[in-house]
PDB file of N, CA and C in Angstrom:
ATOM      1  N   MET A   1     -15.978 -12.981 -12.798  1.00  0.00           N
ATOM      2  CA  MET A   1     -16.487 -12.583 -11.214  1.00  0.00           C
ATOM      3  C   MET A   1     -15.723 -11.335 -10.353  1.00  0.00           C
ATOM      4  N   THR A   2     -16.305  -9.919 -10.353  1.00  0.00           N
ATOM      5  CA  THR A   2     -15.956  -9.431  -9.129  1.00  0.00           C
ATOM      6  C   THR A   2     -15.771  -9.288  -8.494  1.00  0.00           C
ATOM      7  N   LEU A   3     -14.695  -8.122  -8.119  1.00  0.00           N
ATOM      8  CA  LEU A   3     -13.762  -7.858  -6.731  1.00  0.00           C
ATOM      9  C   LEU A   3     -14.958  -7.052  -5.752  1.00  0.00           C
ATOM     10  N   SER A   4     -14.081  -7.876  -4.181  1.00  0.00           N
ATOM     11  CA  SER A   4     -14.987  -6.836  -3.757  1.00  0.00           C
ATOM     12  C   SER A   4     -14.079  -5.808  -3.007  1.00  0.00           C
ATOM     13  N   ASP A   5     -14.667  -4.261  -2.602  1.00  0.00           N
ATOM     14  CA  ASP A   5     -13.675  -3.247  -2.138  1.00  0.00           C
ATOM     15  C   ASP A   5     -12.583  -3.739  -1.505  1.00  0.00           C
ATOM     16  N   LYS A   6     -12.760  -4.887  -0.450  1.00  0.00           N
ATOM     17  CA  LYS A   6     -12.177  -4.843   0.849  1.00  0.00           C
ATOM     18  C   LYS A   6     -10.804  -5.529  -0.750  1.00  0.00           C
ATOM     19  N   GLU A   7     -11.060  -6.548  -1.398  1.00  0.00           N
ATOM     20  CA  GLU A   7     -10.431  -7.158  -2.396  1.00  0.00           C
ATOM     21  C   GLU A   7      -8.998  -6.247  -3.197  1.00  0.00           C
ATOM     22  N   LYS A   8     -10.097  -5.145  -3.277  1.00  0.00           N
ATOM     23  CA  LYS A   8      -9.783  -4.162  -4.632  1.00  0.00           C
ATOM     24  C   LYS A   8      -8.208  -3.353  -3.915  1.00  0.00           C
ATOM     25  N   MET A   9      -8.330  -3.054  -2.412  1.00  0.00           N
ATOM     26  CA  MET A   9      -7.798  -2.483  -1.418  1.00  0.00           C
ATOM     27  C   MET A   9      -6.594  -2.615  -0.966  1.00  0.00           C
ATOM     28  N   VAL A  10      -6.762  -4.232  -1.180  1.00  0.00           N
ATOM     29  CA  VAL A  10      -5.426  -4.431  -1.064  1.00  0.00           C
ATOM     30  C   VAL A  10      -4.144  -4.903  -1.920  1.00  0.00           C
ATOM     31  N   ALA A  11      -5.111  -5.141  -2.866  1.00  0.00           N
ATOM     32  CA  ALA A  11      -4.266  -4.680  -4.562  1.00  0.00           C
ATOM     33  C   ALA A  11      -3.162  -3.582  -4.162  1.00  0.00           C
ATOM     34  N   ILE A  12      -4.517  -2.624  -4.090  1.00  0.00           N
ATOM     35  CA  ILE A  12      -4.160  -1.169  -4.422  1.00  0.00           C
ATOM     36  C   ILE A  12      -2.863  -0.943  -2.824  1.00  0.00           C
ATOM     37  N   ILE A  13      -3.167  -1.362  -2.074  1.00  0.00           N
ATOM     38  CA  ILE A  13      -1.472  -1.467  -1.200  1.00  0.00           C
ATOM     39  C   ILE A  13      -1.470  -1.340  -1.534  1.00  0.00           C
ATOM     40  N   SER A  14      -1.040  -3.538  -1.688  1.00  0.00           N
ATOM     41  CA  SER A  14       0.168  -4.027  -2.280  1.00  0.00           C
ATOM     42  C   SER A  14       1.083  -3.484  -3.552  1.00  0.00           C
ATOM     43  N   ASN A  15       0.019  -3.163  -3.756  1.00  0.00           N
ATOM     44  CA  ASN A  15       0.570  -2.506  -5.568  1.00  0.00           C
ATOM     45  C   ASN A  15       1.659  -0.935  -5.029  1.00  0.00           C
ATOM     46  N   GLY A  16       0.723   0.310  -4.069  1.00  0.00           N
ATOM     47  CA  GLY A  16       1.412   1.398  -3.637  1.00  0.00           C
ATOM     48  C   GLY A  16       2.711   0.830  -2.512  1.00  0.00           C
ATOM     49  N   ILE A  17       2.568   0.032  -1.820  1.00  0.00           N
ATOM     50  CA  ILE A  17       3.501  -0.687  -0.774  1.00  0.00           C
ATOM     51  C   ILE A  17       4.494  -0.360  -2.211  1.00  0.00           C
ATOM     52  N   ALA A  18       4.781  -1.910  -3.414  1.00  0.00           N
ATOM     53  CA  ALA A  18       6.113  -1.811  -4.196  1.00  0.00           C
ATOM     54  C   ALA A  18       6.559  -0.327  -5.009  1.00  0.00           C
ATOM     55  N   VAL A  19       5.537   0.490  -5.277  1.00  0.00           N
ATOM     56  CA  VAL A  19       5.761   1.485  -5.508  1.00  0.00           C
ATOM     57  C   VAL A  19       6.440   2.226  -4.844  1.00  0.00           C
ATOM     58  N   PHE A  20       6.044   2.670  -3.774  1.00  0.00           N
ATOM     59  CA  PHE A  20       6.504   2.948  -2.585  1.00  0.00           C
ATOM     60  C   PHE A  20       8.333   3.420  -2.642  1.00  0.00           C
ATOM     61  N   THR A  21       8.225   1.189  -2.213  1.00  0.00           N
ATOM     62  CA  THR A  21       9.642   0.455  -1.699  1.00  0.00           C
ATOM     63  C   THR A  21      11.047   1.272  -2.858  1.00  0.00           C
ATOM     64  N   LEU A  22      10.132   1.947  -4.847  1.00  0.00           N
ATOM     65  CA  LEU A  22      10.835   1.310  -5.725  1.00  0.00           C
ATOM     66  C   LEU A  22      12.027   2.760  -5.800  1.00  0.00           C
ATOM     67  N   LEU A  23      10.867   3.801  -5.757  1.00  0.00           N
ATOM     68  CA  LEU A  23      10.678   5.140  -5.276  1.00  0.00           C
ATOM     69  C   LEU A  23      11.467   5.536  -4.401  1.00  0.00           C
ATOM     70  N   GLN A  24      11.553   5.136  -2.744  1.00  0.00           N
ATOM     71  CA  GLN A  24      12.532   5.441  -2.263  1.00  0.00           C
ATOM     72  C   GLN A  24      13.942   5.123  -2.298  1.00  0.00           C
ATOM     73  N   GLU A  25      13.543   3.379  -2.917  1.00  0.00           N
ATOM     74  CA  GLU A  25      15.442   3.113  -2.889  1.00  0.00           C
ATOM     75  C   GLU A  25      15.883   4.351  -4.360  1.00  0.00           C
ATOM     76  N   ARG A  26      15.781   4.821  -5.660  1.00  0.00           N
ATOM     77  CA  ARG A  26      16.202   5.690  -5.990  1.00  0.00           C
ATOM     78  C   ARG A  26      15.955   7.058  -5.917  1.00  0.00           C
ATOM     79  N   ASP A  27      15.082   7.060  -4.302  1.00  0.00           N
ATOM     80  CA  ASP A  27      15.610   8.332  -3.726  1.00  0.00           C
ATOM     81  C   ASP A  27      14.969   9.276  -4.912  1.00  0.00           C
ATOM     82  N   GLU A  28      13.899   9.305  -5.128  1.00  0.00           N
ATOM     83  CA  GLU A  28      12.402  10.164  -5.891  1.00  0.00           C
ATOM     84  C   GLU A  28      11.413  10.150  -5.196  1.00  0.00           C
ATOM     85  N   LEU A  29      11.428   9.818  -4.096  1.00  0.00           N
ATOM     86  CA  LEU A  29      10.275  11.133  -3.235  1.00  0.00           C
ATOM     87  C   LEU A  29      10.584  11.830  -2.455  1.00  0.00           C
ATOM     88  N   PRO A  30       9.754  13.001  -1.740  1.00  0.00           N
ATOM     89  CA  PRO A  30      10.247  13.802  -1.688  1.00  0.00           C
ATOM     90  C   PRO A  30      10.299  13.740  -0.178  1.00  0.00           C
ATOM     91  N   LYS A  31      10.908  14.580   0.965  1.00  0.00           N
ATOM     92  CA  LYS A  31      11.488  13.936   1.565  1.00  0.00           C
ATOM     93  C   LYS A  31      10.730  14.218   3.229  1.00  0.00           C
ATOM     94  N   ASN A  32      10.953  13.334   3.861  1.00  0.00           N
ATOM     95  CA  ASN A  32       9.778  13.017   4.711  1.00  0.00           C
ATOM     96  C   ASN A  32       8.197  12.109   4.401  1.00  0.00           C
ATOM     97  N   THR A  33       7.856  11.655   2.517  1.00  0.00           N
ATOM     98  CA  THR A  33       7.305  11.104   2.842  1.00  0.00           C
ATOM     99  C   THR A  33       7.285   9.762   3.526  1.00  0.00           C
ATOM    100  N   THR A  34       6.333   9.269   4.255  1.00  0.00           N
ATOM    101  CA  THR A  34       5.663   7.935   4.727  1.00  0.00           C
ATOM    102  C   THR A  34       5.561   7.180   3.999  1.00  0.00           C
ATOM    103  N   MET A  35       5.327   5.177   4.144  1.00  0.00           N
ATOM    104  CA  MET A  35       4.704   5.019   3.153  1.00  0.00           C
ATOM    105  C   MET A  35       3.569   4.703   3.287  1.00  0.00           C
ATOM    106  N   TYR A  36       2.955   5.622   4.994  1.00  0.00           N
ATOM    107  CA  TYR A  36       1.823   5.458   4.612  1.00  0.00           C
ATOM    108  C   TYR A  36       1.018   6.475   3.680  1.00  0.00           C
ATOM    109  N   ASP A  37       1.296   8.108   4.235  1.00  0.00           N
ATOM    110  CA  ASP A  37       0.842   9.181   3.421  1.00  0.00           C
ATOM    111  C   ASP A  37       0.780   9.201   2.154  1.00  0.00           C
ATOM    112  N   PHE A  38       1.812   8.294   1.165  1.00  0.00           N
ATOM    113  CA  PHE A  38       1.864   7.580  -0.320  1.00  0.00           C
ATOM    114  C   PHE A  38       1.192   6.917  -0.582  1.00  0.00           C
ATOM    115  N   VAL A  39       0.774   5.295   0.402  1.00  0.00           N
ATOM    116  CA  VAL A  39      -0.370   4.653  -0.185  1.00  0.00           C
ATOM    117  C   VAL A  39      -2.168   5.362  -0.177  1.00  0.00           C
ATOM    118  N   LEU A  40      -2.346   6.650   1.176  1.00  0.00           N
ATOM    119  CA  LEU A  40      -3.130   6.860   1.221  1.00  0.00           C
ATOM    120  C   LEU A  40      -3.354   8.306  -0.062  1.00  0.00           C
ATOM    121  N   LYS A  41      -2.498   8.370  -0.550  1.00  0.00           N
ATOM    122  CA  LYS A  41      -3.056   9.599  -1.495  1.00  0.00           C
ATOM    123  C   LYS A  41      -3.035   8.381  -3.321  1.00  0.00           C
ATOM    124  N   VAL A  42      -3.063   7.005  -3.036  1.00  0.00           N
ATOM    125  CA  VAL A  42      -3.260   6.293  -4.268  1.00  0.00           C
ATOM    126  C   VAL A  42      -4.526   5.020  -4.065  1.00  0.00           C
ATOM    127  N   ILE A  43      -5.357   5.901  -3.097  1.00  0.00           N
ATOM    128  CA  ILE A  43      -6.483   5.012  -2.606  1.00  0.00           C
ATOM    129  C   ILE A  43      -7.293   5.750  -2.981  1.00  0.00           C
ATOM    130  N   PRO A  44      -8.530   5.202  -4.661  1.00  0.00           N
ATOM    131  CA  PRO A  44      -9.739   6.090  -4.172  1.00  0.00           C
ATOM    132  C   PRO A  44     -10.635   6.345  -3.519  1.00  0.00           C
ATOM    133  N   ASP A  45     -10.658   7.777  -3.552  1.00  0.00           N
ATOM    134  CA  ASP A  45     -12.084   7.767  -2.655  1.00  0.00           C
ATOM    135  C   ASP A  45     -13.146   7.179  -2.127  1.00  0.00           C
ATOM    136  N   GLU A  46     -14.206   6.264  -3.623  1.00  0.00           N
ATOM    137  CA  GLU A  46     -14.807   4.914  -2.616  1.00  0.00           C
ATOM    138  C   GLU A  46     -14.371   3.513  -2.197  1.00  0.00           C
ATOM    139  N   ILE A  47     -12.948   3.793  -2.182  1.00  0.00           N
ATOM    140  CA  ILE A  47     -12.894   2.019  -0.958  1.00  0.00           C
ATOM    141  C   ILE A  47     -12.464   3.076   0.285  1.00  0.00           C
ATOM    142  N   LYS A  48     -12.170   4.133  -0.349  1.00  0.00           N
ATOM    143  CA  LYS A  48     -10.948   4.093   1.370  1.00  0.00           C
ATOM    144  C   LYS A  48     -11.821   3.720   3.275  1.00  0.00           C
ATOM    145  N   LEU A  49     -13.493   3.379   2.740  1.00  0.00           N
ATOM    146  CA  LEU A  49     -14.050   3.141   3.961  1.00  0.00           C
ATOM    147  C   LEU A  49     -13.432   1.886   4.346  1.00  0.00           C
ATOM    148  N   GLU A  50     -13.305   0.850   3.604  1.00  0.00           N
ATOM    149  CA  GLU A  50     -12.276  -0.054   4.156  1.00  0.00           C
ATOM    150  C   GLU A  50     -11.093  -0.059   4.539  1.00  0.00           C
ATOM    151  N   LEU A  51      -9.774   0.783   4.264  1.00  0.00           N
ATOM    152  CA  LEU A  51      -8.270   1.959   4.857  1.00  0.00           C
ATOM    153  C   LEU A  51      -9.116   1.194   6.495  1.00  0.00           C
ATOM    154  N   SER A  52      -7.861   0.934   6.557  1.00  0.00           N
ATOM    155  CA  SER A  52      -7.397   1.260   8.403  1.00  0.00           C
ATOM    156  C   SER A  52      -5.645   1.147   8.266  1.00  0.00           C
ATOM    157  N   ILE A  53      -5.274   1.316   8.523  1.00  0.00           N
ATOM    158  CA  ILE A  53      -3.774   0.973   9.603  1.00  0.00           C
ATOM    159  C   ILE A  53      -3.027  -0.044   9.365  1.00  0.00           C
ATOM    160  N   GLU A  54      -4.211  -0.732  10.135  1.00  0.00           N
ATOM    161  CA  GLU A  54      -4.006  -2.387  10.904  1.00  0.00           C
ATOM    162  C   GLU A  54      -3.767  -3.178   9.464  1.00  0.00           C
ATOM    163  N   LEU A  55      -4.627  -3.128   8.470  1.00  0.00           N
ATOM    164  CA  LEU A  55      -5.117  -3.713   7.162  1.00  0.00           C
ATOM    165  C   LEU A  55      -3.198  -3.199   6.296  1.00  0.00           C
ATOM    166  N   VAL A  56      -2.928  -1.959   5.537  1.00  0.00           N
ATOM    167  CA  VAL A  56      -1.195  -1.685   5.630  1.00  0.00           C
ATOM    168  C   VAL A  56      -0.720  -2.569   6.419  1.00  0.00           C
ATOM    169  N   ASP A  57      -0.592  -2.075   7.228  1.00  0.00           N
ATOM    170  CA  ASP A  57       0.653  -2.772   7.854  1.00  0.00           C
ATOM    171  C   ASP A  57       0.775  -4.532   7.943  1.00  0.00           C
ATOM    172  N   GLU A  58      -0.460  -5.133   8.439  1.00  0.00           N
ATOM    173  CA  GLU A  58      -0.881  -6.862   8.127  1.00  0.00           C
ATOM    174  C   GLU A  58      -0.199  -6.626   6.900  1.00  0.00           C
ATOM    175  N   ILE A  59      -0.495  -5.855   5.533  1.00  0.00           N
ATOM    176  CA  ILE A  59       0.343  -6.021   4.211  1.00  0.00           C
ATOM    177  C   ILE A  59       1.326  -6.211   3.849  1.00  0.00           C
ATOM    178  N   PHE A  60       1.562  -5.446   4.696  1.00  0.00           N
ATOM    179  CA  PHE A  60       3.039  -4.779   4.753  1.00  0.00           C
ATOM    180  C   PHE A  60       4.030  -5.807   5.291  1.00  0.00           C
ATOM    181  N   ARG A  61       3.452  -6.506   6.124  1.00  0.00           N
ATOM    182  CA  ARG A  61       4.385  -7.743   6.923  1.00  0.00           C
ATOM    183  C   ARG A  61       4.460  -8.416   6.239  1.00  0.00           C
ATOM    184  N   TYR A  62       2.801  -8.605   5.354  1.00  0.00           N
ATOM    185  CA  TYR A  62       2.884 -10.037   4.895  1.00  0.00           C
ATOM    186  C   TYR A  62       3.483 -10.391   3.380  1.00  0.00           C
ATOM    187  N   VAL A  63       4.175  -8.891   2.599  1.00  0.00           N
ATOM    188  CA  VAL A  63       4.588  -8.770   1.153  1.00  0.00           C
ATOM    189  C   VAL A  63       5.984  -8.784   1.364  1.00  0.00           C
ATOM    190  N   SER A  64       6.896  -7.954   3.107  1.00  0.00           N
ATOM    191  CA  SER A  64       8.169  -8.472   3.313  1.00  0.00           C
ATOM    192  C   SER A  64       8.492  -9.742   3.807  1.00  0.00           C
ATOM    193  N   SER A  65       7.564 -10.606   4.364  1.00  0.00           N
ATOM    194  CA  SER A  65       7.408 -11.483   4.774  1.00  0.00           C
ATOM    195  C   SER A  65       8.391 -13.055   3.081  1.00  0.00           C
ATOM    196  N   ALA A  66       7.106 -12.306   2.845  1.00  0.00           N
ATOM    197  CA  ALA A  66       6.792 -13.276   1.247  1.00  0.00           C
ATOM    198  C   ALA A  66       8.365 -12.988   0.010  1.00  0.00           C
ATOM    199  N   HIS A  67       8.860 -12.133   0.299  1.00  0.00           N
ATOM    200  CA  HIS A  67       9.976 -11.564  -0.187  1.00  0.00           C
ATOM    201  C   HIS A  67      11.017 -12.173   0.647  1.00  0.00           C
ATOM    202  N   SER A  68      11.486 -12.409   1.472  1.00  0.00           N
ATOM    203  CA  SER A  68      12.503 -12.794   2.205  1.00  0.00           C
ATOM    204  C   SER A  68      12.575 -14.251   2.228  1.00  0.00           C
ATOM    205  N   SER A  69      11.042 -14.742   2.401  1.00  0.00           N
ATOM    206  CA  SER A  69      12.014 -16.482   2.459  1.00  0.00           C
ATOM    207  C   SER A  69      11.937 -17.391   0.838  1.00  0.00           C
TER     208      SER A  69
END
């Protein structure tokens, strides 16, 4: 089974959020780096057409609620 571009995007965003959070907790990010900036840098150009801020927000909300329950 091959992942669709949308599925790849969800996996990459979710991983980007996790890495961003870890680096933020360790104070290892450059100042003024937002989660959105960080996620944009880790997404391959060939699937960026699937990217939207709403998708990043939705994944962030889901991951946050899943970890807090």
